Amino acid sequence: MLRVLHVCTGNVCRSPIAERLMRHGLAQRLGAGADAILVESAGTWGHEGAPMEVHAAAVLAEHGADPAHFTGRELLDDHVIDADLVLTATRDHRAQVISMGHAAGLRTFTLKEFTRLVRAIDPATLPDGSVTERARALVRAAAALRGWLLAPSPDADEVHDPYGAPISYFRSIGEEIHDALDPVVTALTGIPATV
């Protein structure tokens, strides 16, 4: 099994949206085979036991993803140790994950950074085996490209925090996360979105 961990600050807005949108995209492409990839989330200042922010849940429902039964949690060492891929909302979150140690540097990216790197990887260079083999090869290839394919600006790798904002801002952040995740899920699975 491959484990993907999405990280933001409170684990009630951005990372839950990313987690549930990714699960939804994997299920659409792989059906029952989506169980080969476990997608979770946590927050660097996670609201342990908190429900997802109501606007975040609404945005997920609008995308056809399931917001039900979500519980916020604080990022722990075990989450980082167990993850094969960590995708963060911002560069600051990425730095916090890497500072925890556990050789996390080669498997921790901001979501938008990982998307940029994935787009530069020729899918033909990835193995045709299981989805987990393909995904692990994708993470290694992205790590190798990191120093060569830089962001056009520091802000380009950030997903800004919508906490406390109106639903319209949550929708724009949800769209941003969706647009960043779509090529990642396609690369992980080898199957483009059907819609």
Protein backbone atom coordinates (compact mmCIF):
# COMPACT_ATOMS: atom_id res chain seq x y z
CA MET A 1 0.00 0.00 0.00
CA LEU A 2 1.13 3.55 -0.79
CA ARG A 3 0.41 6.22 1.80
CA VAL A 4 -0.14 9.86 0.81
CA LEU A 5 -0.34 12.52 3.52
CA HIS A 6 -1.73 16.02 2.89
CA VAL A 7 -0.62 18.68 5.37
CA CYS A 8 -1.85 22.19 6.15
CA THR A 9 -2.10 24.18 9.38
CA GLY A 10 -5.35 23.32 11.15
CA ASN A 11 -6.42 20.21 9.19
CA VAL A 12 -9.92 21.59 8.81
CA CYS A 13 -9.75 23.38 5.40
CA ARG A 14 -7.02 22.82 2.80
CA SER A 15 -5.68 19.38 3.69
CA PRO A 16 -9.15 17.82 4.15
CA ILE A 17 -10.16 19.22 0.74
CA ALA A 18 -6.98 17.79 -0.81
CA GLU A 19 -7.41 14.43 0.95
CA ARG A 20 -11.02 13.93 -0.09
CA LEU A 21 -10.57 15.25 -3.65
CA MET A 22 -7.61 12.89 -4.12
CA ARG A 23 -9.59 9.94 -2.77
CA HIS A 24 -12.43 10.86 -5.13
CA GLY A 25 -10.10 11.11 -8.14
CA LEU A 26 -8.46 7.77 -7.32
CA ALA A 27 -11.83 6.05 -6.91
CA GLN A 28 -13.05 7.45 -10.24
CA ARG A 29 -9.99 6.09 -12.04
CA LEU A 30 -9.28 2.86 -10.16
CA GLY A 31 -12.60 1.80 -8.63
CA ALA A 32 -11.92 -0.78 -5.90
CA GLY A 33 -8.22 -0.64 -6.84
CA ALA A 34 -8.07 2.80 -5.20
CA ASP A 35 -7.61 0.92 -1.90
CA ALA A 36 -3.95 0.45 -2.89
CA ILE A 37 -3.39 4.13 -2.03
CA LEU A 38 -4.26 5.33 1.46
CA VAL A 39 -4.84 9.10 1.47
CA GLU A 40 -4.82 10.91 4.82
CA SER A 41 -4.26 14.41 6.19
CA ALA A 42 -3.01 16.23 9.27
CA GLY A 43 -2.20 19.74 10.44
CA THR A 44 0.99 21.27 11.81
CA TRP A 45 -1.27 22.94 14.38
CA GLY A 46 -4.05 20.42 13.82
CA HIS A 47 -7.39 20.86 15.55
CA GLU A 48 -7.42 17.36 17.04
CA GLY A 49 -10.91 15.85 16.79
CA ALA A 50 -12.41 18.89 15.05
CA PRO A 51 -14.87 18.55 12.18
CA MET A 52 -14.04 19.83 8.73
CA GLU A 53 -14.83 23.53 8.24
CA VAL A 54 -18.39 23.80 6.90
CA HIS A 55 -17.39 25.69 3.73
CA ALA A 56 -14.70 23.09 2.99
CA ALA A 57 -17.32 20.34 3.27
CA ALA A 58 -19.65 22.27 0.94
CA VAL A 59 -16.90 22.68 -1.66
CA LEU A 60 -16.13 18.95 -1.55
CA ALA A 61 -19.79 18.10 -2.07
CA GLU A 62 -19.89 20.46 -5.07
CA HIS A 63 -16.97 18.47 -6.57
CA GLY A 64 -18.79 15.19 -5.95
CA ALA A 65 -16.38 14.15 -3.17
CA ASP A 66 -17.49 12.83 0.20
CA PRO A 67 -16.89 15.17 3.16
CA ALA A 68 -18.51 12.83 5.73
CA HIS A 69 -16.88 11.40 8.85
CA PHE A 70 -13.83 13.65 8.81
CA THR A 71 -11.91 14.30 12.04
CA GLY A 72 -9.01 16.75 12.27
CA ARG A 73 -5.71 15.62 13.69
CA GLU A 74 -2.33 17.04 14.59
CA LEU A 75 0.70 16.05 12.54
CA LEU A 76 2.77 13.46 14.41
CA ASP A 77 6.11 11.78 13.76
CA ASP A 78 4.35 8.51 12.89
CA HIS A 79 2.35 10.20 10.13
CA VAL A 80 5.57 11.38 8.47
CA ILE A 81 7.39 8.07 9.04
CA ASP A 82 4.54 6.08 7.48
CA ALA A 83 3.98 8.37 4.46
CA ASP A 84 5.44 7.53 1.05
CA LEU A 85 4.47 10.99 -0.23
CA VAL A 86 3.75 14.14 1.77
CA LEU A 87 1.99 17.00 -0.05
CA THR A 88 1.77 20.29 1.82
CA ALA A 89 -0.27 23.43 1.26
CA THR A 90 2.70 25.81 1.59
CA ARG A 91 6.49 25.96 1.59
CA ASP A 92 6.38 26.64 5.33
CA HIS A 93 4.44 23.41 5.93
CA ARG A 94 6.96 21.56 3.75
CA ALA A 95 9.84 22.96 5.85
CA GLN A 96 8.06 21.93 9.06
CA VAL A 97 7.58 18.35 7.83
CA ILE A 98 11.20 18.08 6.67
CA SER A 99 12.44 19.51 9.98
CA MET A 100 10.79 16.58 11.77
CA GLY A 101 13.47 14.34 10.23
CA HIS A 102 12.62 10.76 9.26
CA ALA A 103 14.32 11.22 5.86
CA ALA A 104 11.21 13.12 4.76
CA GLY A 105 13.01 15.52 2.42
CA LEU A 106 12.92 13.28 -0.65
CA ARG A 107 9.20 12.55 -0.34
CA THR A 108 7.84 15.91 0.84
CA PHE A 109 6.67 18.56 -1.63
CA THR A 110 4.15 21.35 -1.73
CA LEU A 111 1.15 20.18 -3.73
CA LYS A 112 1.78 22.72 -6.50
CA GLU A 113 5.50 21.92 -6.60
CA PHE A 114 4.75 18.21 -7.01
CA THR A 115 2.25 18.99 -9.78
CA ARG A 116 4.85 21.06 -11.64
CA LEU A 117 7.43 18.27 -11.35
CA VAL A 118 4.95 15.53 -12.31
CA ARG A 119 4.01 17.42 -15.49
CA ALA A 120 7.68 17.29 -16.54
CA ILE A 121 7.96 13.51 -16.10
CA ASP A 122 7.42 11.37 -19.19
CA PRO A 123 4.74 8.80 -18.20
CA ALA A 124 6.49 6.26 -20.46
CA THR A 125 9.41 6.23 -18.01
CA LEU A 126 7.19 4.96 -15.17
CA PRO A 127 6.76 1.21 -14.58
CA ASP A 128 3.66 -0.56 -15.90
CA GLY A 129 3.35 -2.70 -12.75
CA SER A 130 1.12 -2.02 -9.78
CA VAL A 131 -0.16 1.44 -8.92
CA THR A 132 2.10 1.44 -5.85
CA GLU A 133 5.22 0.69 -7.93
CA ARG A 134 4.25 3.42 -10.37
CA ALA A 135 3.60 5.92 -7.57
CA ARG A 136 6.90 5.22 -5.81
CA ALA A 137 8.77 5.66 -9.10
CA LEU A 138 6.91 8.95 -9.65
CA VAL A 139 7.97 10.26 -6.22
CA ARG A 140 11.62 9.33 -6.90
CA ALA A 141 11.53 10.99 -10.33
CA ALA A 142 9.96 14.16 -8.90
CA ALA A 143 12.61 14.33 -6.16
CA ALA A 144 15.35 14.04 -8.78
CA LEU A 145 13.86 16.93 -10.78
CA ARG A 146 13.30 19.26 -7.83
CA GLY A 147 16.48 21.35 -8.17
CA TRP A 148 16.11 21.65 -11.94
CA LEU A 149 12.52 22.79 -12.30
CA LEU A 150 12.00 25.79 -10.05
CA ALA A 151 8.80 27.72 -9.40
CA PRO A 152 8.33 30.88 -11.48
CA SER A 153 7.79 32.77 -8.19
CA PRO A 154 7.82 31.86 -4.48
CA ASP A 155 4.05 32.34 -4.33
CA ALA A 156 3.51 29.84 -7.17
CA ASP A 157 3.88 26.90 -4.75
CA GLU A 158 1.43 28.22 -2.14
CA VAL A 159 -2.19 27.29 -1.50
CA HIS A 160 -3.46 30.12 0.68
CA ASP A 161 -5.53 29.53 3.81
CA PRO A 162 -9.26 30.16 3.33
CA TYR A 163 -10.06 29.77 7.05
CA GLY A 164 -12.67 32.33 8.06
CA ALA A 165 -13.24 33.44 4.46
CA PRO A 166 -16.58 33.38 2.61
CA ILE A 167 -17.67 30.35 0.60
CA SER A 168 -16.63 32.03 -2.67
CA TYR A 169 -12.98 32.05 -1.53
CA PHE A 170 -13.25 28.42 -0.41
CA ARG A 171 -14.54 27.59 -3.89
CA SER A 172 -11.53 29.24 -5.52
CA ILE A 173 -9.15 27.36 -3.17
CA GLY A 174 -11.04 24.12 -3.85
CA GLU A 175 -10.65 24.70 -7.60
CA GLU A 176 -6.96 25.45 -7.14
CA ILE A 177 -6.45 22.21 -5.19
CA HIS A 178 -8.52 20.22 -7.70
CA ASP A 179 -6.54 21.60 -10.64
CA ALA A 180 -3.25 20.76 -8.91
CA LEU A 181 -4.38 17.25 -7.94
CA ASP A 182 -5.79 16.18 -11.29
CA PRO A 183 -2.44 15.72 -13.10
CA VAL A 184 -0.99 14.10 -9.96
CA VAL A 185 -3.76 11.50 -9.76
CA THR A 186 -3.45 10.89 -13.50
CA ALA A 187 0.31 10.36 -13.15
CA LEU A 188 -0.09 8.12 -10.08
CA THR A 189 -2.64 5.89 -11.79
CA GLY A 190 -1.72 6.23 -15.45
CA ILE A 191 -5.41 6.94 -16.13
CA PRO A 192 -6.65 10.40 -17.16
CA ALA A 193 -9.87 11.84 -15.72
CA THR A 194 -12.99 10.87 -17.64
CA VAL A 195 -14.94 14.04 -16.95
